[in-house]
Amino acid sequence: MYDNVSRQPADPDASDTPATPIVVGRPARTGGRRVTIRTRDAGLAHSDADLVEFLRRAGLPDAEDLLDDPAWVHWQEGPPHTYRPG
């Protein structure tokens, strides 16, 4: 899924993948945000700690460093790091 040596997204020019490898969906009405990694559902995050754990499981042990990097993470609707609806 990822090139762990350079920490670059795999196949960045692939046309069937989103521009960013990690998408954090809009906050759900009941709280939490759906997380997808390379279009695969990783789960529902209720905090940055949950999100970091999903990314760690996907092979990114230093994921907390990527959360604010728009080349890696796209936060849909609502401010980043917010897991409850506004």
PDB file of N, CA and C in Angstrom:
ATOM      1  N   MET A   1       0.818  -1.194   0.000  1.00  0.00           N
ATOM      2  CA  MET A   1       0.000   0.000   0.000  1.00  0.00           C
ATOM      3  C   MET A   1       0.861   1.258   0.000  1.00  0.00           C
ATOM      4  N   TYR A   2       1.900   1.284   0.814  1.00  0.00           N
ATOM      5  CA  TYR A   2       2.770   2.445   0.890  1.00  0.00           C
ATOM      6  C   TYR A   2       4.220   2.024   0.750  1.00  0.00           C
ATOM      7  N   ASP A   3       5.016   2.930   0.241  1.00  0.00           N
ATOM      8  CA  ASP A   3       6.450   2.722   0.159  1.00  0.00           C
ATOM      9  C   ASP A   3       7.022   3.195   1.492  1.00  0.00           C
ATOM     10  N   ASN A   4       7.296   2.267   2.408  1.00  0.00           N
ATOM     11  CA  ASN A   4       7.718   2.623   3.760  1.00  0.00           C
ATOM     12  C   ASN A   4       9.105   3.245   3.818  1.00  0.00           C
ATOM     13  N   VAL A   5       9.886   3.077   2.780  1.00  0.00           N
ATOM     14  CA  VAL A   5      11.214   3.675   2.781  1.00  0.00           C
ATOM     15  C   VAL A   5      11.117   5.180   2.572  1.00  0.00           C
ATOM     16  N   SER A   6      10.386   5.611   1.560  1.00  0.00           N
ATOM     17  CA  SER A   6      10.293   7.040   1.268  1.00  0.00           C
ATOM     18  C   SER A   6       9.040   7.676   1.854  1.00  0.00           C
ATOM     19  N   ARG A   7       8.151   6.846   2.427  1.00  0.00           N
ATOM     20  CA  ARG A   7       6.884   7.327   2.982  1.00  0.00           C
ATOM     21  C   ARG A   7       6.077   8.093   1.949  1.00  0.00           C
ATOM     22  N   GLN A   8       6.109   7.611   0.721  1.00  0.00           N
ATOM     23  CA  GLN A   8       5.332   8.209  -0.349  1.00  0.00           C
ATOM     24  C   GLN A   8       4.152   7.307  -0.667  1.00  0.00           C
ATOM     25  N   PRO A   9       3.023   7.882  -1.087  1.00  0.00           N
ATOM     26  CA  PRO A   9       1.906   7.043  -1.498  1.00  0.00           C
ATOM     27  C   PRO A   9       2.322   6.155  -2.661  1.00  0.00           C
ATOM     28  N   ALA A  10       1.871   4.912  -2.660  1.00  0.00           N
ATOM     29  CA  ALA A  10       2.163   4.008  -3.765  1.00  0.00           C
ATOM     30  C   ALA A  10       1.386   4.452  -5.000  1.00  0.00           C
ATOM     31  N   ASP A  11       1.999   4.342  -6.163  1.00  0.00           N
ATOM     32  CA  ASP A  11       1.368   4.703  -7.434  1.00  0.00           C
ATOM     33  C   ASP A  11       0.668   6.056  -7.388  1.00  0.00           C
ATOM     34  N   PRO A  12       1.372   7.153  -7.145  1.00  0.00           N
ATOM     35  CA  PRO A  12       0.708   8.452  -7.019  1.00  0.00           C
ATOM     36  C   PRO A  12       0.015   8.907  -8.294  1.00  0.00           C
ATOM     37  N   ASP A  13       0.375   8.344  -9.455  1.00  0.00           N
ATOM     38  CA  ASP A  13      -0.246   8.745 -10.707  1.00  0.00           C
ATOM     39  C   ASP A  13      -1.359   7.806 -11.141  1.00  0.00           C
ATOM     40  N   ALA A  14      -1.707   6.847 -10.318  1.00  0.00           N
ATOM     41  CA  ALA A  14      -2.750   5.894 -10.689  1.00  0.00           C
ATOM     42  C   ALA A  14      -4.081   6.627 -10.824  1.00  0.00           C
ATOM     43  N   SER A  15      -4.774   6.400 -11.918  1.00  0.00           N
ATOM     44  CA  SER A  15      -5.998   7.137 -12.192  1.00  0.00           C
ATOM     45  C   SER A  15      -7.194   6.627 -11.396  1.00  0.00           C
ATOM     46  N   ASP A  16      -7.133   5.422 -10.844  1.00  0.00           N
ATOM     47  CA  ASP A  16      -8.272   4.875 -10.126  1.00  0.00           C
ATOM     48  C   ASP A  16      -8.215   5.121  -8.623  1.00  0.00           C
ATOM     49  N   THR A  17      -7.280   5.936  -8.158  1.00  0.00           N
ATOM     50  CA  THR A  17      -7.162   6.235  -6.739  1.00  0.00           C
ATOM     51  C   THR A  17      -7.353   7.728  -6.514  1.00  0.00           C
ATOM     52  N   PRO A  18      -7.828   8.124  -5.318  1.00  0.00           N
ATOM     53  CA  PRO A  18      -8.004   9.555  -5.044  1.00  0.00           C
ATOM     54  C   PRO A  18      -6.661  10.277  -5.008  1.00  0.00           C
ATOM     55  N   ALA A  19      -6.719  11.608  -5.093  1.00  0.00           N
ATOM     56  CA  ALA A  19      -5.497  12.418  -5.097  1.00  0.00           C
ATOM     57  C   ALA A  19      -4.720  12.256  -3.795  1.00  0.00           C
ATOM     58  N   THR A  20      -5.415  12.093  -2.689  1.00  0.00           N
ATOM     59  CA  THR A  20      -4.753  11.853  -1.407  1.00  0.00           C
ATOM     60  C   THR A  20      -5.065  10.432  -0.970  1.00  0.00           C
ATOM     61  N   PRO A  21      -4.092   9.745  -0.395  1.00  0.00           N
ATOM     62  CA  PRO A  21      -4.326   8.352  -0.016  1.00  0.00           C
ATOM     63  C   PRO A  21      -5.265   8.174   1.169  1.00  0.00           C
ATOM     64  N   ILE A  22      -5.421   9.204   1.996  1.00  0.00           N
ATOM     65  CA  ILE A  22      -6.234   9.086   3.206  1.00  0.00           C
ATOM     66  C   ILE A  22      -7.358  10.118   3.133  1.00  0.00           C
ATOM     67  N   VAL A  23      -8.592   9.648   3.290  1.00  0.00           N
ATOM     68  CA  VAL A  23      -9.743  10.551   3.299  1.00  0.00           C
ATOM     69  C   VAL A  23     -10.461  10.376   4.624  1.00  0.00           C
ATOM     70  N   VAL A  24     -10.661  11.503   5.311  1.00  0.00           N
ATOM     71  CA  VAL A  24     -11.400  11.514   6.567  1.00  0.00           C
ATOM     72  C   VAL A  24     -12.733  12.183   6.258  1.00  0.00           C
ATOM     73  N   GLY A  25     -13.798  11.403   6.294  1.00  0.00           N
ATOM     74  CA  GLY A  25     -15.121  11.886   5.920  1.00  0.00           C
ATOM     75  C   GLY A  25     -15.660  12.940   6.864  1.00  0.00           C
ATOM     76  N   ARG A  26     -16.801  13.490   6.474  1.00  0.00           N
ATOM     77  CA  ARG A  26     -17.441  14.524   7.296  1.00  0.00           C
ATOM     78  C   ARG A  26     -17.879  13.931   8.630  1.00  0.00           C
ATOM     79  N   PRO A  27     -17.982  14.752   9.665  1.00  0.00           N
ATOM     80  CA  PRO A  27     -18.439  14.241  10.954  1.00  0.00           C
ATOM     81  C   PRO A  27     -19.853  13.666  10.844  1.00  0.00           C
ATOM     82  N   ALA A  28     -20.056  12.493  11.385  1.00  0.00           N
ATOM     83  CA  ALA A  28     -21.366  11.851  11.397  1.00  0.00           C
ATOM     84  C   ALA A  28     -22.266  12.517  12.433  1.00  0.00           C
ATOM     85  N   ARG A  29     -23.564  12.417  12.250  1.00  0.00           N
ATOM     86  CA  ARG A  29     -24.507  13.011  13.207  1.00  0.00           C
ATOM     87  C   ARG A  29     -24.311  12.472  14.618  1.00  0.00           C
ATOM     88  N   THR A  30     -23.911  11.223  14.715  1.00  0.00           N
ATOM     89  CA  THR A  30     -23.721  10.604  16.031  1.00  0.00           C
ATOM     90  C   THR A  30     -22.283  10.704  16.526  1.00  0.00           C
ATOM     91  N   GLY A  31     -21.438  11.376  15.759  1.00  0.00           N
ATOM     92  CA  GLY A  31     -20.036  11.530  16.113  1.00  0.00           C
ATOM     93  C   GLY A  31     -19.148  10.572  15.349  1.00  0.00           C
ATOM     94  N   GLY A  32     -17.920  10.933  15.208  1.00  0.00           N
ATOM     95  CA  GLY A  32     -16.958  10.117  14.483  1.00  0.00           C
ATOM     96  C   GLY A  32     -16.896  10.489  13.007  1.00  0.00           C
ATOM     97  N   ARG A  33     -15.823  10.060  12.367  1.00  0.00           N
ATOM     98  CA  ARG A  33     -15.618  10.313  10.946  1.00  0.00           C
ATOM     99  C   ARG A  33     -15.155   9.027  10.287  1.00  0.00           C
ATOM    100  N   ARG A  34     -15.770   8.685   9.154  1.00  0.00           N
ATOM    101  CA  ARG A  34     -15.386   7.507   8.382  1.00  0.00           C
ATOM    102  C   ARG A  34     -14.026   7.766   7.751  1.00  0.00           C
ATOM    103  N   VAL A  35     -13.129   6.794   7.852  1.00  0.00           N
ATOM    104  CA  VAL A  35     -11.774   6.920   7.316  1.00  0.00           C
ATOM    105  C   VAL A  35     -11.586   5.897   6.204  1.00  0.00           C
ATOM    106  N   THR A  36     -11.079   6.362   5.074  1.00  0.00           N
ATOM    107  CA  THR A  36     -10.707   5.449   3.999  1.00  0.00           C
ATOM    108  C   THR A  36      -9.232   5.657   3.683  1.00  0.00           C
ATOM    109  N   ILE A  37      -8.574   4.550   3.411  1.00  0.00           N
ATOM    110  CA  ILE A  37      -7.161   4.570   3.055  1.00  0.00           C
ATOM    111  C   ILE A  37      -7.047   3.873   1.710  1.00  0.00           C
ATOM    112  N   ARG A  38      -6.674   4.650   0.693  1.00  0.00           N
ATOM    113  CA  ARG A  38      -6.620   4.128  -0.682  1.00  0.00           C
ATOM    114  C   ARG A  38      -7.934   3.464  -1.064  1.00  0.00           C
ATOM    115  N   THR A  39      -9.027   4.163  -0.792  1.00  0.00           N
ATOM    116  CA  THR A  39     -10.407   3.772  -1.091  1.00  0.00           C
ATOM    117  C   THR A  39     -10.912   2.594  -0.271  1.00  0.00           C
ATOM    118  N   ARG A  40     -10.139   2.083   0.661  1.00  0.00           N
ATOM    119  CA  ARG A  40     -10.590   0.988   1.522  1.00  0.00           C
ATOM    120  C   ARG A  40     -11.027   1.538   2.870  1.00  0.00           C
ATOM    121  N   ASP A  41     -12.180   1.084   3.322  1.00  0.00           N
ATOM    122  CA  ASP A  41     -12.709   1.531   4.609  1.00  0.00           C
ATOM    123  C   ASP A  41     -11.798   1.066   5.738  1.00  0.00           C
ATOM    124  N   ALA A  42     -11.353   2.027   6.562  1.00  0.00           N
ATOM    125  CA  ALA A  42     -10.490   1.693   7.694  1.00  0.00           C
ATOM    126  C   ALA A  42     -11.261   1.693   9.007  1.00  0.00           C
ATOM    127  N   GLY A  43     -12.421   2.346   9.026  1.00  0.00           N
ATOM    128  CA  GLY A  43     -13.218   2.379  10.238  1.00  0.00           C
ATOM    129  C   GLY A  43     -13.736   3.768  10.536  1.00  0.00           C
ATOM    130  N   LEU A  44     -14.359   3.890  11.698  1.00  0.00           N
ATOM    131  CA  LEU A  44     -14.923   5.147  12.156  1.00  0.00           C
ATOM    132  C   LEU A  44     -14.049   5.691  13.278  1.00  0.00           C
ATOM    133  N   ALA A  45     -13.407   6.814  13.021  1.00  0.00           N
ATOM    134  CA  ALA A  45     -12.526   7.437  14.018  1.00  0.00           C
ATOM    135  C   ALA A  45     -13.326   8.422  14.868  1.00  0.00           C
ATOM    136  N   HIS A  46     -13.125   8.355  16.176  1.00  0.00           N
ATOM    137  CA  HIS A  46     -13.762   9.290  17.099  1.00  0.00           C
ATOM    138  C   HIS A  46     -12.752  10.271  17.684  1.00  0.00           C
ATOM    139  N   SER A  47     -11.496  10.138  17.256  1.00  0.00           N
ATOM    140  CA  SER A  47     -10.433  11.021  17.751  1.00  0.00           C
ATOM    141  C   SER A  47      -9.218  10.882  16.846  1.00  0.00           C
ATOM    142  N   ASP A  48      -8.269  11.792  17.008  1.00  0.00           N
ATOM    143  CA  ASP A  48      -7.007  11.672  16.272  1.00  0.00           C
ATOM    144  C   ASP A  48      -6.291  10.375  16.636  1.00  0.00           C
ATOM    145  N   ALA A  49      -6.424   9.947  17.887  1.00  0.00           N
ATOM    146  CA  ALA A  49      -5.779   8.696  18.312  1.00  0.00           C
ATOM    147  C   ALA A  49      -6.325   7.511  17.514  1.00  0.00           C
ATOM    148  N   ASP A  50      -7.647   7.488  17.282  1.00  0.00           N
ATOM    149  CA  ASP A  50      -8.233   6.428  16.458  1.00  0.00           C
ATOM    150  C   ASP A  50      -7.679   6.484  15.042  1.00  0.00           C
ATOM    151  N   LEU A  51      -7.633   7.680  14.481  1.00  0.00           N
ATOM    152  CA  LEU A  51      -7.137   7.861  13.119  1.00  0.00           C
ATOM    153  C   LEU A  51      -5.685   7.399  13.011  1.00  0.00           C
ATOM    154  N   VAL A  52      -4.864   7.790  13.950  1.00  0.00           N
ATOM    155  CA  VAL A  52      -3.457   7.379  13.953  1.00  0.00           C
ATOM    156  C   VAL A  52      -3.343   5.857  14.035  1.00  0.00           C
ATOM    157  N   GLU A  53      -4.191   5.227  14.826  1.00  0.00           N
ATOM    158  CA  GLU A  53      -4.163   3.762  14.931  1.00  0.00           C
ATOM    159  C   GLU A  53      -4.538   3.106  13.604  1.00  0.00           C
ATOM    160  N   PHE A  54      -5.546   3.619  12.914  1.00  0.00           N
ATOM    161  CA  PHE A  54      -5.899   3.078  11.597  1.00  0.00           C
ATOM    162  C   PHE A  54      -4.712   3.188  10.639  1.00  0.00           C
ATOM    163  N   LEU A  55      -4.046   4.326  10.665  1.00  0.00           N
ATOM    164  CA  LEU A  55      -2.913   4.539   9.759  1.00  0.00           C
ATOM    165  C   LEU A  55      -1.724   3.668  10.144  1.00  0.00           C
ATOM    166  N   ARG A  56      -1.527   3.476  11.437  1.00  0.00           N
ATOM    167  CA  ARG A  56      -0.452   2.587  11.897  1.00  0.00           C
ATOM    168  C   ARG A  56      -0.697   1.165  11.380  1.00  0.00           C
ATOM    169  N   ARG A  57      -1.942   0.719  11.474  1.00  0.00           N
ATOM    170  CA  ARG A  57      -2.287  -0.614  10.984  1.00  0.00           C
ATOM    171  C   ARG A  57      -2.095  -0.744   9.474  1.00  0.00           C
ATOM    172  N   ALA A  58      -2.177   0.385   8.778  1.00  0.00           N
ATOM    173  CA  ALA A  58      -1.989   0.381   7.323  1.00  0.00           C
ATOM    174  C   ALA A  58      -0.512   0.494   6.940  1.00  0.00           C
ATOM    175  N   GLY A  59       0.368   0.536   7.944  1.00  0.00           N
ATOM    176  CA  GLY A  59       1.795   0.559   7.651  1.00  0.00           C
ATOM    177  C   GLY A  59       2.466   1.910   7.772  1.00  0.00           C
ATOM    178  N   LEU A  60       1.817   2.855   8.439  1.00  0.00           N
ATOM    179  CA  LEU A  60       2.391   4.186   8.635  1.00  0.00           C
ATOM    180  C   LEU A  60       2.621   4.437  10.124  1.00  0.00           C
ATOM    181  N   PRO A  61       3.739   3.974  10.673  1.00  0.00           N
ATOM    182  CA  PRO A  61       3.965   4.090  12.113  1.00  0.00           C
ATOM    183  C   PRO A  61       4.097   5.525  12.613  1.00  0.00           C
ATOM    184  N   ASP A  62       4.470   6.464  11.770  1.00  0.00           N
ATOM    185  CA  ASP A  62       4.601   7.872  12.170  1.00  0.00           C
ATOM    186  C   ASP A  62       3.432   8.694  11.645  1.00  0.00           C
ATOM    187  N   ALA A  63       2.256   8.117  11.667  1.00  0.00           N
ATOM    188  CA  ALA A  63       1.073   8.723  11.056  1.00  0.00           C
ATOM    189  C   ALA A  63       0.715  10.081  11.636  1.00  0.00           C
ATOM    190  N   GLU A  64       0.968  10.297  12.926  1.00  0.00           N
ATOM    191  CA  GLU A  64       0.602  11.588  13.522  1.00  0.00           C
ATOM    192  C   GLU A  64       1.279  12.752  12.806  1.00  0.00           C
ATOM    193  N   ASP A  65       2.407  12.504  12.171  1.00  0.00           N
ATOM    194  CA  ASP A  65       3.110  13.546  11.428  1.00  0.00           C
ATOM    195  C   ASP A  65       2.422  13.873  10.103  1.00  0.00           C
ATOM    196  N   LEU A  66       1.500  13.024   9.660  1.00  0.00           N
ATOM    197  CA  LEU A  66       0.853  13.205   8.362  1.00  0.00           C
ATOM    198  C   LEU A  66      -0.518  13.856   8.444  1.00  0.00           C
ATOM    199  N   LEU A  67      -1.109  13.937   9.617  1.00  0.00           N
ATOM    200  CA  LEU A  67      -2.500  14.370   9.744  1.00  0.00           C
ATOM    201  C   LEU A  67      -2.777  15.748   9.171  1.00  0.00           C
ATOM    202  N   ASP A  68      -1.813  16.640   9.219  1.00  0.00           N
ATOM    203  CA  ASP A  68      -2.013  17.992   8.697  1.00  0.00           C
ATOM    204  C   ASP A  68      -1.346  18.207   7.348  1.00  0.00           C
ATOM    205  N   ASP A  69      -0.941  17.136   6.701  1.00  0.00           N
ATOM    206  CA  ASP A  69      -0.293  17.221   5.395  1.00  0.00           C
ATOM    207  C   ASP A  69      -1.335  16.966   4.307  1.00  0.00           C
ATOM    208  N   PRO A  70      -1.741  18.005   3.560  1.00  0.00           N
ATOM    209  CA  PRO A  70      -2.779  17.827   2.547  1.00  0.00           C
ATOM    210  C   PRO A  70      -2.379  16.907   1.400  1.00  0.00           C
ATOM    211  N   ALA A  71      -1.114  16.606   1.252  1.00  0.00           N
ATOM    212  CA  ALA A  71      -0.693  15.633   0.239  1.00  0.00           C
ATOM    213  C   ALA A  71      -1.060  14.215   0.669  1.00  0.00           C
ATOM    214  N   TRP A  72      -1.270  14.012   1.951  1.00  0.00           N
ATOM    215  CA  TRP A  72      -1.597  12.693   2.498  1.00  0.00           C
ATOM    216  C   TRP A  72      -3.047  12.563   2.938  1.00  0.00           C
ATOM    217  N   VAL A  73      -3.576  13.596   3.609  1.00  0.00           N
ATOM    218  CA  VAL A  73      -4.895  13.499   4.240  1.00  0.00           C
ATOM    219  C   VAL A  73      -5.829  14.582   3.715  1.00  0.00           C
ATOM    220  N   HIS A  74      -7.008  14.150   3.287  1.00  0.00           N
ATOM    221  CA  HIS A  74      -8.068  15.088   2.896  1.00  0.00           C
ATOM    222  C   HIS A  74      -9.173  14.996   3.945  1.00  0.00           C
ATOM    223  N   TRP A  75      -9.431  16.111   4.617  1.00  0.00           N
ATOM    224  CA  TRP A  75     -10.497  16.187   5.620  1.00  0.00           C
ATOM    225  C   TRP A  75     -11.731  16.733   4.909  1.00  0.00           C
ATOM    226  N   GLN A  76     -12.792  15.935   4.803  1.00  0.00           N
ATOM    227  CA  GLN A  76     -14.011  16.363   4.131  1.00  0.00           C
ATOM    228  C   GLN A  76     -14.912  17.102   5.101  1.00  0.00           C
ATOM    229  N   GLU A  77     -15.444  18.217   4.651  1.00  0.00           N
ATOM    230  CA  GLU A  77     -16.423  19.004   5.417  1.00  0.00           C
ATOM    231  C   GLU A  77     -16.073  19.122   6.899  1.00  0.00           C
ATOM    232  N   GLY A  78     -16.123  20.302   7.393  1.00  0.00           N
ATOM    233  CA  GLY A  78     -15.805  20.522   8.796  1.00  0.00           C
ATOM    234  C   GLY A  78     -14.307  20.637   9.011  1.00  0.00           C
ATOM    235  N   PRO A  79     -13.926  21.231  10.120  1.00  0.00           N
ATOM    236  CA  PRO A  79     -12.508  21.431  10.390  1.00  0.00           C
ATOM    237  C   PRO A  79     -11.782  20.127  10.718  1.00  0.00           C
ATOM    238  N   PRO A  80     -10.506  20.057  10.357  1.00  0.00           N
ATOM    239  CA  PRO A  80      -9.708  18.902  10.737  1.00  0.00           C
ATOM    240  C   PRO A  80      -9.694  18.716  12.258  1.00  0.00           C
ATOM    241  N   HIS A  81      -9.508  17.488  12.679  1.00  0.00           N
ATOM    242  CA  HIS A  81      -9.372  17.123  14.091  1.00  0.00           C
ATOM    243  C   HIS A  81     -10.672  17.314  14.891  1.00  0.00           C
ATOM    244  N   THR A  82     -11.791  17.483  14.189  1.00  0.00           N
ATOM    245  CA  THR A  82     -13.094  17.619  14.847  1.00  0.00           C
ATOM    246  C   THR A  82     -13.909  16.385  14.493  1.00  0.00           C
ATOM    247  N   TYR A  83     -14.398  15.697  15.489  1.00  0.00           N
ATOM    248  CA  TYR A  83     -15.075  14.422  15.266  1.00  0.00           C
ATOM    249  C   TYR A  83     -16.553  14.440  15.627  1.00  0.00           C
ATOM    250  N   ARG A  84     -17.052  15.579  16.036  1.00  0.00           N
ATOM    251  CA  ARG A  84     -18.474  15.733  16.328  1.00  0.00           C
ATOM    252  C   ARG A  84     -19.054  16.747  15.353  1.00  0.00           C
ATOM    253  N   PRO A  85     -20.320  16.565  14.967  1.00  0.00           N
ATOM    254  CA  PRO A  85     -20.915  17.519  14.032  1.00  0.00           C
ATOM    255  C   PRO A  85     -20.997  18.911  14.649  1.00  0.00           C
ATOM    256  N   GLY A  86     -20.876  19.913  13.806  1.00  0.00           N
ATOM    257  CA  GLY A  86     -20.867  21.313  14.259  1.00  0.00           C
ATOM    258  C   GLY A  86     -22.197  21.816  14.505  1.00  0.00           C
TER     259      GLY A  86
END
